[in-house]
Amino acid sequence: MKEIVKNMQKYFTGYSLETPKLNTLNIELTNVCDLNCVMCRKSKREKGFMSRELLSDILEDAGEAGVEQVALHTVGESILHPEIGNMIKTCKKLDFYVYIDVNGNSLDKGKAKQLIESGLDSIKFSVDAASPGTYSRIRRGGDFGKVYENMRYLRHLRDKNKSRMKIFTLFIISKDNIHELDAFKKAMAGVVDEIQYNVLNNAAGRMPVELFNEIKGVDLSVPNKTGLCANPWTRLVITWDGRVSMCCIDFDMDMCVGEYKRGNLLDIWNGKAAWKVREAMIEKKTDELPMICRGCDGILYDIPERNKIINEIFK
């Protein structure tokens, strides 16, 4: 194994395969979502909302573990949490960089005010369309007009209060919406700080094949020379009820490596279950990997390089 680690190390600039560094926590405030998007699987887990007490315990341990940033989202819509503002404030009191990804349908004026006052560092809206028809086909159950109005209001409130919060939006490119790319850029001008582009990834190896669309003239088959996913070396995910995974899109906790209890975060990070996943990846023992890793684009392709290519072309 040490020889494999030595050979792989050059592809993992910035952190060691032998001594993983827990840099990021994805904390699931809720797995409840108000949309039924074509690219997402609905979680089969019991629905719920994280308590402030559990969040506080996690953050205390995270600080001691050297965590630098906290993503307050996983498979649900975080702004549905009734205490979203206070949850973010709890993170900011401990000086973490805090960000959330949302669809934005439930971002009313009251919650927008909470986000500004909480000290949130950045927010990213997943929109993928510049017309109601396209939006309704992709972000099923959402209201195109409402999302755009919510984004505009948040930008107005941010600028009015001279907040340093960054506002981003995501456009996942496919044959169904690429014709709206220019219109989207125009619509977002003066609303967001930056548009990020992506394509549908077969995340966790569980997306329907028919969703994947090639973009003419763009080669996105950039191989992952390591065959490794960075998450098990840099990130943990904690669900609203305290279960721990190493995958940020583990809808049903298929890669659960422990159950959080106050004081045991690093024990889970350095534990046997976590190392079993890492070693199976390093040694290419596919049959020993969790099912969600098999066939996942995160292992098959160089996702950072792919994203770089896409953003260079379409920005």
C-alpha atoms as a PDB file:
ATOM      1  CA  MET A   1       0.000   0.000   0.000  1.00  0.00           C
ATOM      2  CA  LYS A   2       2.826   2.471   0.803  1.00  0.00           C
ATOM      3  CA  GLU A   3       4.208   2.139  -2.730  1.00  0.00           C
ATOM      4  CA  ILE A   4       0.772   2.849  -4.185  1.00  0.00           C
ATOM      5  CA  VAL A   5       0.476   5.887  -1.932  1.00  0.00           C
ATOM      6  CA  LYS A   6       3.875   7.121  -3.123  1.00  0.00           C
ATOM      7  CA  ASN A   7       2.859   6.797  -6.771  1.00  0.00           C
ATOM      8  CA  MET A   8      -0.481   8.487  -6.220  1.00  0.00           C
ATOM      9  CA  GLN A   9       0.807  11.328  -4.075  1.00  0.00           C
ATOM     10  CA  LYS A  10       1.771  13.579  -6.996  1.00  0.00           C
ATOM     11  CA  TYR A  11      -1.879  13.748  -8.031  1.00  0.00           C
ATOM     12  CA  PHE A  12      -3.021  14.852  -4.595  1.00  0.00           C
ATOM     13  CA  THR A  13      -1.229  18.160  -4.183  1.00  0.00           C
ATOM     14  CA  GLY A  14      -2.063  19.861  -0.916  1.00  0.00           C
ATOM     15  CA  TYR A  15      -2.844  16.886   1.302  1.00  0.00           C
ATOM     16  CA  SER A  16      -1.440  13.511   2.195  1.00  0.00           C
ATOM     17  CA  LEU A  17      -2.991  10.138   1.451  1.00  0.00           C
ATOM     18  CA  GLU A  18      -1.379   8.737   4.567  1.00  0.00           C
ATOM     19  CA  THR A  19      -2.510  11.541   6.883  1.00  0.00           C
ATOM     20  CA  PRO A  20      -5.916  12.818   5.711  1.00  0.00           C
ATOM     21  CA  LYS A  21      -6.786  16.401   6.705  1.00  0.00           C
ATOM     22  CA  LEU A  22     -10.401  17.096   7.640  1.00  0.00           C
ATOM     23  CA  ASN A  23     -10.933  20.490   6.048  1.00  0.00           C
ATOM     24  CA  THR A  24     -14.664  20.632   5.288  1.00  0.00           C
ATOM     25  CA  LEU A  25     -17.857  19.568   7.003  1.00  0.00           C
ATOM     26  CA  ASN A  26     -21.155  19.239   5.176  1.00  0.00           C
ATOM     27  CA  ILE A  27     -23.789  19.612   7.872  1.00  0.00           C
ATOM     28  CA  GLU A  28     -27.307  18.656   6.901  1.00  0.00           C
ATOM     29  CA  LEU A  29     -29.669  21.125   8.513  1.00  0.00           C
ATOM     30  CA  THR A  30     -32.508  19.205   6.888  1.00  0.00           C
ATOM     31  CA  ASN A  31     -33.129  16.569   4.232  1.00  0.00           C
ATOM     32  CA  VAL A  32     -36.523  18.097   3.427  1.00  0.00           C
ATOM     33  CA  CYS A  33     -36.745  19.619  -0.048  1.00  0.00           C
ATOM     34  CA  ASP A  34     -39.512  21.578  -1.769  1.00  0.00           C
ATOM     35  CA  LEU A  35     -38.624  20.533  -5.339  1.00  0.00           C
ATOM     36  CA  ASN A  36     -38.333  17.340  -7.361  1.00  0.00           C
ATOM     37  CA  CYS A  37     -35.456  18.154  -9.721  1.00  0.00           C
ATOM     38  CA  VAL A  38     -34.649  15.774 -12.575  1.00  0.00           C
ATOM     39  CA  MET A  39     -31.025  15.327 -11.473  1.00  0.00           C
ATOM     40  CA  CYS A  40     -31.744  14.497  -7.830  1.00  0.00           C
ATOM     41  CA  ARG A  41     -32.851  11.398  -6.004  1.00  0.00           C
ATOM     42  CA  LYS A  42     -35.278  11.803  -3.160  1.00  0.00           C
ATOM     43  CA  SER A  43     -33.839  10.641   0.135  1.00  0.00           C
ATOM     44  CA  LYS A  44     -35.570   7.606   1.596  1.00  0.00           C
ATOM     45  CA  ARG A  45     -34.447   8.518   5.078  1.00  0.00           C
ATOM     46  CA  GLU A  46     -36.743   9.865   7.756  1.00  0.00           C
ATOM     47  CA  LYS A  47     -37.214  13.602   7.276  1.00  0.00           C
ATOM     48  CA  GLY A  48     -36.162  16.005   9.985  1.00  0.00           C
ATOM     49  CA  PHE A  49     -34.328  19.145  11.092  1.00  0.00           C
ATOM     50  CA  MET A  50     -31.072  19.373  13.027  1.00  0.00           C
ATOM     51  CA  SER A  51     -31.253  20.843  16.529  1.00  0.00           C
ATOM     52  CA  ARG A  52     -29.104  23.804  17.554  1.00  0.00           C
ATOM     53  CA  GLU A  53     -27.708  21.714  20.402  1.00  0.00           C
ATOM     54  CA  LEU A  54     -26.422  19.044  18.025  1.00  0.00           C
ATOM     55  CA  LEU A  55     -24.983  21.683  15.693  1.00  0.00           C
ATOM     56  CA  SER A  56     -23.171  23.379  18.579  1.00  0.00           C
ATOM     57  CA  ASP A  57     -21.587  20.110  19.677  1.00  0.00           C
ATOM     58  CA  ILE A  58     -20.463  19.297  16.131  1.00  0.00           C
ATOM     59  CA  LEU A  59     -18.934  22.741  15.640  1.00  0.00           C
ATOM     60  CA  GLU A  60     -16.973  22.602  18.897  1.00  0.00           C
ATOM     61  CA  ASP A  61     -15.438  19.304  17.780  1.00  0.00           C
ATOM     62  CA  ALA A  62     -14.891  20.634  14.260  1.00  0.00           C
ATOM     63  CA  GLY A  63     -12.894  23.583  15.563  1.00  0.00           C
ATOM     64  CA  GLU A  64     -10.648  21.311  17.580  1.00  0.00           C
ATOM     65  CA  ALA A  65     -10.226  19.044  14.524  1.00  0.00           C
ATOM     66  CA  GLY A  66      -8.991  21.930  12.381  1.00  0.00           C
ATOM     67  CA  VAL A  67     -12.025  22.201  10.094  1.00  0.00           C
ATOM     68  CA  GLU A  68     -11.937  25.457   8.125  1.00  0.00           C
ATOM     69  CA  GLN A  69     -15.229  25.588   6.260  1.00  0.00           C
ATOM     70  CA  VAL A  70     -18.785  24.437   6.868  1.00  0.00           C
ATOM     71  CA  ALA A  71     -21.314  23.752   4.115  1.00  0.00           C
ATOM     72  CA  LEU A  72     -24.783  23.879   5.639  1.00  0.00           C
ATOM     73  CA  HIS A  73     -26.440  21.691   3.024  1.00  0.00           C
ATOM     74  CA  THR A  74     -26.595  18.177   1.644  1.00  0.00           C
ATOM     75  CA  VAL A  75     -29.683  16.749  -0.097  1.00  0.00           C
ATOM     76  CA  GLY A  76     -32.330  19.119   1.320  1.00  0.00           C
ATOM     77  CA  GLU A  77     -33.205  22.815   1.056  1.00  0.00           C
ATOM     78  CA  SER A  78     -31.473  24.400   4.040  1.00  0.00           C
ATOM     79  CA  ILE A  79     -33.508  27.620   4.074  1.00  0.00           C
ATOM     80  CA  LEU A  80     -36.544  25.515   5.030  1.00  0.00           C
ATOM     81  CA  HIS A  81     -34.974  25.110   8.466  1.00  0.00           C
ATOM     82  CA  PRO A  82     -37.030  27.279  10.848  1.00  0.00           C
ATOM     83  CA  GLU A  83     -33.846  28.544  12.559  1.00  0.00           C
ATOM     84  CA  ILE A  84     -31.638  28.994   9.508  1.00  0.00           C
ATOM     85  CA  GLY A  85     -30.355  32.417  10.608  1.00  0.00           C
ATOM     86  CA  ASN A  86     -29.427  31.254  14.102  1.00  0.00           C
ATOM     87  CA  MET A  87     -27.782  28.105  12.757  1.00  0.00           C
ATOM     88  CA  ILE A  88     -25.496  30.185  10.555  1.00  0.00           C
ATOM     89  CA  LYS A  89     -24.738  32.585  13.427  1.00  0.00           C
ATOM     90  CA  THR A  90     -23.717  29.608  15.563  1.00  0.00           C
ATOM     91  CA  CYS A  91     -21.153  28.663  12.895  1.00  0.00           C
ATOM     92  CA  LYS A  92     -19.857  32.196  12.469  1.00  0.00           C
ATOM     93  CA  LYS A  93     -19.260  32.621  16.200  1.00  0.00           C
ATOM     94  CA  LEU A  94     -16.524  30.013  15.801  1.00  0.00           C
ATOM     95  CA  ASP A  95     -15.071  31.746  12.715  1.00  0.00           C
ATOM     96  CA  PHE A  96     -15.814  29.074  10.117  1.00  0.00           C
ATOM     97  CA  TYR A  97     -16.258  30.001   6.476  1.00  0.00           C
ATOM     98  CA  VAL A  98     -19.948  29.167   5.951  1.00  0.00           C
ATOM     99  CA  TYR A  99     -21.762  28.596   2.678  1.00  0.00           C
ATOM    100  CA  ILE A 100     -25.016  27.094   1.406  1.00  0.00           C
ATOM    101  CA  ASP A 101     -26.350  25.836  -1.926  1.00  0.00           C
ATOM    102  CA  VAL A 102     -30.085  26.359  -2.445  1.00  0.00           C
ATOM    103  CA  ASN A 103     -32.815  26.342  -5.077  1.00  0.00           C
ATOM    104  CA  GLY A 104     -34.183  29.563  -3.563  1.00  0.00           C
ATOM    105  CA  ASN A 105     -37.915  29.008  -3.929  1.00  0.00           C
ATOM    106  CA  SER A 106     -38.546  29.458  -0.203  1.00  0.00           C
ATOM    107  CA  LEU A 107     -36.306  32.479   0.294  1.00  0.00           C
ATOM    108  CA  ASP A 108     -38.855  35.071   1.403  1.00  0.00           C
ATOM    109  CA  LYS A 109     -37.942  38.573   2.598  1.00  0.00           C
ATOM    110  CA  GLY A 110     -37.773  37.514   6.229  1.00  0.00           C
ATOM    111  CA  LYS A 111     -35.303  34.716   5.561  1.00  0.00           C
ATOM    112  CA  ALA A 112     -33.283  36.909   3.223  1.00  0.00           C
ATOM    113  CA  LYS A 113     -32.878  39.351   6.117  1.00  0.00           C
ATOM    114  CA  GLN A 114     -31.782  36.489   8.370  1.00  0.00           C
ATOM    115  CA  LEU A 115     -29.123  35.388   5.877  1.00  0.00           C
ATOM    116  CA  ILE A 116     -27.686  38.891   5.659  1.00  0.00           C
ATOM    117  CA  GLU A 117     -27.663  39.390   9.430  1.00  0.00           C
ATOM    118  CA  SER A 118     -26.223  35.921  10.114  1.00  0.00           C
ATOM    119  CA  GLY A 119     -22.847  36.647   8.522  1.00  0.00           C
ATOM    120  CA  LEU A 120     -23.205  33.955   5.833  1.00  0.00           C
ATOM    121  CA  ASP A 121     -20.126  34.029   3.603  1.00  0.00           C
ATOM    122  CA  SER A 122     -21.674  32.825   0.353  1.00  0.00           C
ATOM    123  CA  ILE A 123     -24.830  31.406  -1.181  1.00  0.00           C
ATOM    124  CA  LYS A 124     -25.268  29.618  -4.511  1.00  0.00           C
ATOM    125  CA  PHE A 125     -28.592  29.338  -6.335  1.00  0.00           C
ATOM    126  CA  SER A 126     -29.145  26.359  -8.638  1.00  0.00           C
ATOM    127  CA  VAL A 127     -31.342  27.690 -11.468  1.00  0.00           C
ATOM    128  CA  ASP A 128     -30.315  26.174 -14.849  1.00  0.00           C
ATOM    129  CA  ALA A 129     -32.817  28.140 -16.941  1.00  0.00           C
ATOM    130  CA  ALA A 130     -33.805  31.547 -18.303  1.00  0.00           C
ATOM    131  CA  SER A 131     -37.484  30.831 -18.956  1.00  0.00           C
ATOM    132  CA  PRO A 132     -40.413  29.396 -16.963  1.00  0.00           C
ATOM    133  CA  GLY A 133     -40.872  26.481 -19.379  1.00  0.00           C
ATOM    134  CA  THR A 134     -37.301  25.237 -19.214  1.00  0.00           C
ATOM    135  CA  TYR A 135     -37.142  25.809 -15.477  1.00  0.00           C
ATOM    136  CA  SER A 136     -40.295  23.797 -14.812  1.00  0.00           C
ATOM    137  CA  ARG A 137     -38.910  20.830 -16.785  1.00  0.00           C
ATOM    138  CA  ILE A 138     -35.633  20.775 -14.845  1.00  0.00           C
ATOM    139  CA  ARG A 139     -36.488  22.166 -11.412  1.00  0.00           C
ATOM    140  CA  ARG A 140     -39.827  20.439 -11.094  1.00  0.00           C
ATOM    141  CA  GLY A 141     -42.207  22.011  -8.594  1.00  0.00           C
ATOM    142  CA  GLY A 142     -40.374  25.340  -8.564  1.00  0.00           C
ATOM    143  CA  ASP A 143     -41.527  28.816  -9.536  1.00  0.00           C
ATOM    144  CA  PHE A 144     -39.166  30.475 -12.020  1.00  0.00           C
ATOM    145  CA  GLY A 145     -40.436  34.007 -11.426  1.00  0.00           C
ATOM    146  CA  LYS A 146     -40.291  33.660  -7.649  1.00  0.00           C
ATOM    147  CA  VAL A 147     -36.692  32.424  -7.660  1.00  0.00           C
ATOM    148  CA  TYR A 148     -35.493  35.335  -9.774  1.00  0.00           C
ATOM    149  CA  GLU A 149     -37.361  37.820  -7.600  1.00  0.00           C
ATOM    150  CA  ASN A 150     -35.900  36.239  -4.457  1.00  0.00           C
ATOM    151  CA  MET A 151     -32.392  36.504  -5.877  1.00  0.00           C
ATOM    152  CA  ARG A 152     -32.866  40.120  -6.885  1.00  0.00           C
ATOM    153  CA  TYR A 153     -34.201  41.009  -3.448  1.00  0.00           C
ATOM    154  CA  LEU A 154     -31.298  39.292  -1.691  1.00  0.00           C
ATOM    155  CA  ARG A 155     -28.835  41.212  -3.858  1.00  0.00           C
ATOM    156  CA  HIS A 156     -30.639  44.483  -3.067  1.00  0.00           C
ATOM    157  CA  LEU A 157     -30.598  43.725   0.653  1.00  0.00           C
ATOM    158  CA  ARG A 158     -26.952  42.693   0.587  1.00  0.00           C
ATOM    159  CA  ASP A 159     -25.847  45.880  -1.144  1.00  0.00           C
ATOM    160  CA  LYS A 160     -28.043  48.053   1.047  1.00  0.00           C
ATOM    161  CA  ASN A 161     -26.512  46.581   4.196  1.00  0.00           C
ATOM    162  CA  LYS A 162     -22.988  46.510   2.735  1.00  0.00           C
ATOM    163  CA  SER A 163     -22.723  42.821   3.491  1.00  0.00           C
ATOM    164  CA  ARG A 164     -19.658  40.938   2.220  1.00  0.00           C
ATOM    165  CA  MET A 165     -21.726  37.840   1.396  1.00  0.00           C
ATOM    166  CA  LYS A 166     -21.052  36.515  -2.116  1.00  0.00           C
ATOM    167  CA  ILE A 167     -23.954  35.484  -4.341  1.00  0.00           C
ATOM    168  CA  PHE A 168     -23.395  32.829  -6.993  1.00  0.00           C
ATOM    169  CA  THR A 169     -25.609  30.913  -9.362  1.00  0.00           C
ATOM    170  CA  LEU A 170     -25.173  27.544 -11.033  1.00  0.00           C
ATOM    171  CA  PHE A 171     -26.084  26.679 -14.610  1.00  0.00           C
ATOM    172  CA  ILE A 172     -25.893  22.935 -15.310  1.00  0.00           C
ATOM    173  CA  ILE A 173     -25.553  22.759 -19.081  1.00  0.00           C
ATOM    174  CA  SER A 174     -27.503  20.194 -21.113  1.00  0.00           C
ATOM    175  CA  LYS A 175     -29.145  19.974 -24.522  1.00  0.00           C
ATOM    176  CA  ASP A 176     -32.381  21.063 -22.832  1.00  0.00           C
ATOM    177  CA  ASN A 177     -31.124  24.479 -21.730  1.00  0.00           C
ATOM    178  CA  ILE A 178     -27.966  25.359 -23.665  1.00  0.00           C
ATOM    179  CA  HIS A 179     -30.052  27.519 -26.012  1.00  0.00           C
ATOM    180  CA  GLU A 180     -30.795  29.806 -23.033  1.00  0.00           C
ATOM    181  CA  LEU A 181     -27.189  30.358 -22.042  1.00  0.00           C
ATOM    182  CA  ASP A 182     -26.918  33.911 -23.390  1.00  0.00           C
ATOM    183  CA  ALA A 183     -30.297  34.886 -21.968  1.00  0.00           C
ATOM    184  CA  PHE A 184     -29.249  33.506 -18.596  1.00  0.00           C
ATOM    185  CA  LYS A 185     -26.063  35.566 -18.583  1.00  0.00           C
ATOM    186  CA  LYS A 186     -28.059  38.715 -19.314  1.00  0.00           C
ATOM    187  CA  ALA A 187     -30.651  37.927 -16.648  1.00  0.00           C
ATOM    188  CA  MET A 188     -27.974  37.361 -14.014  1.00  0.00           C
ATOM    189  CA  ALA A 189     -26.052  40.558 -14.751  1.00  0.00           C
ATOM    190  CA  GLY A 190     -26.235  42.745 -11.657  1.00  0.00           C
ATOM    191  CA  VAL A 191     -27.956  39.978  -9.670  1.00  0.00           C
ATOM    192  CA  VAL A 192     -25.114  37.583  -8.867  1.00  0.00           C
ATOM    193  CA  ASP A 193     -21.383  38.014  -8.449  1.00  0.00           C
ATOM    194  CA  GLU A 194     -20.512  35.032 -10.601  1.00  0.00           C
ATOM    195  CA  ILE A 195     -22.118  32.321 -12.714  1.00  0.00           C
ATOM    196  CA  GLN A 196     -20.676  28.841 -12.321  1.00  0.00           C
ATOM    197  CA  TYR A 197     -21.153  26.322 -15.127  1.00  0.00           C
ATOM    198  CA  ASN A 198     -21.252  22.558 -14.914  1.00  0.00           C
ATOM    199  CA  VAL A 199     -22.627  19.476 -16.632  1.00  0.00           C
ATOM    200  CA  LEU A 200     -24.616  16.634 -15.139  1.00  0.00           C
ATOM    201  CA  ASN A 201     -22.288  14.273 -13.323  1.00  0.00           C
ATOM    202  CA  ASN A 202     -23.219  10.689 -12.604  1.00  0.00           C
ATOM    203  CA  ALA A 203     -22.752  11.476  -8.942  1.00  0.00           C
ATOM    204  CA  ALA A 204     -22.730   8.420  -6.699  1.00  0.00           C
ATOM    205  CA  GLY A 205     -23.225   6.306  -9.838  1.00  0.00           C
ATOM    206  CA  ARG A 206     -26.975   6.536  -9.428  1.00  0.00           C
ATOM    207  CA  MET A 207     -28.235   9.005 -12.028  1.00  0.00           C
ATOM    208  CA  PRO A 208     -30.427   7.774 -14.903  1.00  0.00           C
ATOM    209  CA  VAL A 209     -28.317   7.356 -18.048  1.00  0.00           C
ATOM    210  CA  GLU A 210     -30.820   9.254 -20.201  1.00  0.00           C
ATOM    211  CA  LEU A 211     -30.056  12.466 -18.302  1.00  0.00           C
ATOM    212  CA  PHE A 212     -26.501  12.691 -19.592  1.00  0.00           C
ATOM    213  CA  ASN A 213     -26.026  14.833 -22.643  1.00  0.00           C
ATOM    214  CA  GLU A 214     -22.856  15.507 -24.568  1.00  0.00           C
ATOM    215  CA  ILE A 215     -22.005  19.079 -25.494  1.00  0.00           C
ATOM    216  CA  LYS A 216     -20.979  19.242 -29.139  1.00  0.00           C
ATOM    217  CA  GLY A 217     -17.327  20.056 -29.664  1.00  0.00           C
ATOM    218  CA  VAL A 218     -16.396  19.683 -25.984  1.00  0.00           C
ATOM    219  CA  ASP A 219     -14.495  16.637 -24.748  1.00  0.00           C
ATOM    220  CA  LEU A 220     -15.480  16.094 -21.134  1.00  0.00           C
ATOM    221  CA  SER A 221     -14.046  12.596 -20.785  1.00  0.00           C
ATOM    222  CA  VAL A 222     -11.072  13.816 -18.755  1.00  0.00           C
ATOM    223  CA  PRO A 223      -9.850  10.666 -16.990  1.00  0.00           C
ATOM    224  CA  ASN A 224      -9.147  10.641 -13.286  1.00  0.00           C
ATOM    225  CA  LYS A 225      -5.587   9.328 -13.314  1.00  0.00           C
ATOM    226  CA  THR A 226      -5.693   8.476  -9.621  1.00  0.00           C
ATOM    227  CA  GLY A 227      -9.043   6.700  -9.543  1.00  0.00           C
ATOM    228  CA  LEU A 228      -9.556   8.438  -6.212  1.00  0.00           C
ATOM    229  CA  CYS A 229     -12.223  10.779  -4.911  1.00  0.00           C
ATOM    230  CA  ALA A 230     -10.935  13.647  -2.771  1.00  0.00           C
ATOM    231  CA  ASN A 231     -13.832  13.548  -0.301  1.00  0.00           C
ATOM    232  CA  PRO A 232     -12.580  10.722   1.958  1.00  0.00           C
ATOM    233  CA  TRP A 233      -9.336  12.679   2.477  1.00  0.00           C
ATOM    234  CA  THR A 234     -10.833  16.114   3.100  1.00  0.00           C
ATOM    235  CA  ARG A 235     -14.525  16.004   4.076  1.00  0.00           C
ATOM    236  CA  LEU A 236     -17.157  14.494   6.335  1.00  0.00           C
ATOM    237  CA  VAL A 237     -20.930  14.750   6.048  1.00  0.00           C
ATOM    238  CA  ILE A 238     -23.193  14.763   9.089  1.00  0.00           C
ATOM    239  CA  THR A 239     -26.941  14.256   8.728  1.00  0.00           C
ATOM    240  CA  TRP A 240     -29.613  16.120  10.656  1.00  0.00           C
ATOM    241  CA  ASP A 241     -29.834  13.197  13.109  1.00  0.00           C
ATOM    242  CA  GLY A 242     -26.092  12.673  13.538  1.00  0.00           C
ATOM    243  CA  ARG A 243     -25.076   9.953  11.116  1.00  0.00           C
ATOM    244  CA  VAL A 244     -21.726  10.425   9.388  1.00  0.00           C
ATOM    245  CA  SER A 245     -20.771   9.742   5.765  1.00  0.00           C
ATOM    246  CA  MET A 246     -17.776  10.515   3.553  1.00  0.00           C
ATOM    247  CA  CYS A 247     -19.869  11.457   0.508  1.00  0.00           C
ATOM    248  CA  CYS A 248     -21.630  14.803   0.078  1.00  0.00           C
ATOM    249  CA  ILE A 249     -24.376  13.263  -2.072  1.00  0.00           C
ATOM    250  CA  ASP A 250     -25.041  10.178   0.020  1.00  0.00           C
ATOM    251  CA  PHE A 251     -28.827  10.493  -0.127  1.00  0.00           C
ATOM    252  CA  ASP A 252     -29.551   7.386   1.935  1.00  0.00           C
ATOM    253  CA  MET A 253     -26.417   7.062   4.085  1.00  0.00           C
ATOM    254  CA  ASP A 254     -25.087   4.107   2.125  1.00  0.00           C
ATOM    255  CA  MET A 255     -21.530   5.110   3.124  1.00  0.00           C
ATOM    256  CA  CYS A 256     -22.221   5.639   6.795  1.00  0.00           C
ATOM    257  CA  VAL A 257     -18.944   5.378   8.743  1.00  0.00           C
ATOM    258  CA  GLY A 258     -20.238   6.207  12.200  1.00  0.00           C
ATOM    259  CA  GLU A 259     -22.743   7.996  14.371  1.00  0.00           C
ATOM    260  CA  TYR A 260     -21.726  11.331  15.822  1.00  0.00           C
ATOM    261  CA  LYS A 261     -21.543  11.733  19.587  1.00  0.00           C
ATOM    262  CA  ARG A 262     -19.960  14.706  21.269  1.00  0.00           C
ATOM    263  CA  GLY A 263     -16.187  14.316  21.195  1.00  0.00           C
ATOM    264  CA  ASN A 264     -15.944  11.508  18.629  1.00  0.00           C
ATOM    265  CA  LEU A 265     -15.568  13.429  15.343  1.00  0.00           C
ATOM    266  CA  LEU A 266     -11.859  12.694  14.928  1.00  0.00           C
ATOM    267  CA  ASP A 267     -12.387   9.123  16.110  1.00  0.00           C
ATOM    268  CA  ILE A 268     -14.767   8.610  13.175  1.00  0.00           C
ATOM    269  CA  TRP A 269     -12.433  10.434  10.767  1.00  0.00           C
ATOM    270  CA  ASN A 270      -9.503   8.199  11.756  1.00  0.00           C
ATOM    271  CA  GLY A 271     -11.599   5.090  12.368  1.00  0.00           C
ATOM    272  CA  LYS A 272     -11.581   1.672  10.699  1.00  0.00           C
ATOM    273  CA  ALA A 273     -14.710   2.277   8.632  1.00  0.00           C
ATOM    274  CA  ALA A 274     -13.287   5.458   7.104  1.00  0.00           C
ATOM    275  CA  TRP A 275      -9.924   3.854   6.376  1.00  0.00           C
ATOM    276  CA  LYS A 276     -11.589   0.844   4.794  1.00  0.00           C
ATOM    277  CA  VAL A 277     -13.060   3.191   2.152  1.00  0.00           C
ATOM    278  CA  ARG A 278      -9.740   4.983   1.583  1.00  0.00           C
ATOM    279  CA  GLU A 279      -7.735   1.784   1.274  1.00  0.00           C
ATOM    280  CA  ALA A 280     -10.222   0.220  -1.141  1.00  0.00           C
ATOM    281  CA  MET A 281      -9.888   3.310  -3.367  1.00  0.00           C
ATOM    282  CA  ILE A 282      -6.097   3.398  -3.202  1.00  0.00           C
ATOM    283  CA  GLU A 283      -5.734  -0.318  -3.903  1.00  0.00           C
ATOM    284  CA  LYS A 284      -8.430  -0.282  -6.618  1.00  0.00           C
ATOM    285  CA  LYS A 285     -10.521  -2.926  -4.841  1.00  0.00           C
ATOM    286  CA  THR A 286     -13.791  -1.920  -6.459  1.00  0.00           C
ATOM    287  CA  ASP A 287     -15.741  -4.789  -4.926  1.00  0.00           C
ATOM    288  CA  GLU A 288     -14.844  -3.490  -1.445  1.00  0.00           C
ATOM    289  CA  LEU A 289     -16.025   0.064  -2.151  1.00  0.00           C
ATOM    290  CA  PRO A 290     -19.473   1.253  -1.047  1.00  0.00           C
ATOM    291  CA  MET A 291     -21.980   0.821  -3.876  1.00  0.00           C
ATOM    292  CA  ILE A 292     -22.357   4.574  -4.349  1.00  0.00           C
ATOM    293  CA  CYS A 293     -18.657   4.833  -5.281  1.00  0.00           C
ATOM    294  CA  ARG A 294     -18.864   2.286  -8.090  1.00  0.00           C
ATOM    295  CA  GLY A 295     -19.477   4.042 -11.382  1.00  0.00           C
ATOM    296  CA  CYS A 296     -19.383   7.506  -9.806  1.00  0.00           C
ATOM    297  CA  ASP A 297     -17.952  10.244 -12.036  1.00  0.00           C
ATOM    298  CA  GLY A 298     -15.921  11.435  -9.063  1.00  0.00           C
ATOM    299  CA  ILE A 299     -13.732   8.345  -9.431  1.00  0.00           C
ATOM    300  CA  LEU A 300     -13.892   7.904 -13.208  1.00  0.00           C
ATOM    301  CA  TYR A 301     -13.241  11.515 -14.248  1.00  0.00           C
ATOM    302  CA  ASP A 302     -11.119  14.454 -13.163  1.00  0.00           C
ATOM    303  CA  ILE A 303     -14.051  16.623 -12.048  1.00  0.00           C
ATOM    304  CA  PRO A 304     -12.004  19.754 -11.151  1.00  0.00           C
ATOM    305  CA  GLU A 305     -10.335  19.679 -14.578  1.00  0.00           C
ATOM    306  CA  ARG A 306     -13.689  19.059 -16.268  1.00  0.00           C
ATOM    307  CA  ASN A 307     -15.213  22.034 -14.455  1.00  0.00           C
ATOM    308  CA  LYS A 308     -12.249  24.186 -15.441  1.00  0.00           C
ATOM    309  CA  ILE A 309     -12.746  23.295 -19.113  1.00  0.00           C
ATOM    310  CA  ILE A 310     -16.468  24.033 -18.985  1.00  0.00           C
ATOM    311  CA  ASN A 311     -16.057  27.378 -17.265  1.00  0.00           C
ATOM    312  CA  GLU A 312     -13.278  28.478 -19.634  1.00  0.00           C
ATOM    313  CA  ILE A 313     -15.503  27.730 -22.631  1.00  0.00           C
ATOM    314  CA  PHE A 314     -18.813  29.165 -21.496  1.00  0.00           C
ATOM    315  CA  LYS A 315     -17.888  32.178 -19.343  1.00  0.00           C
END
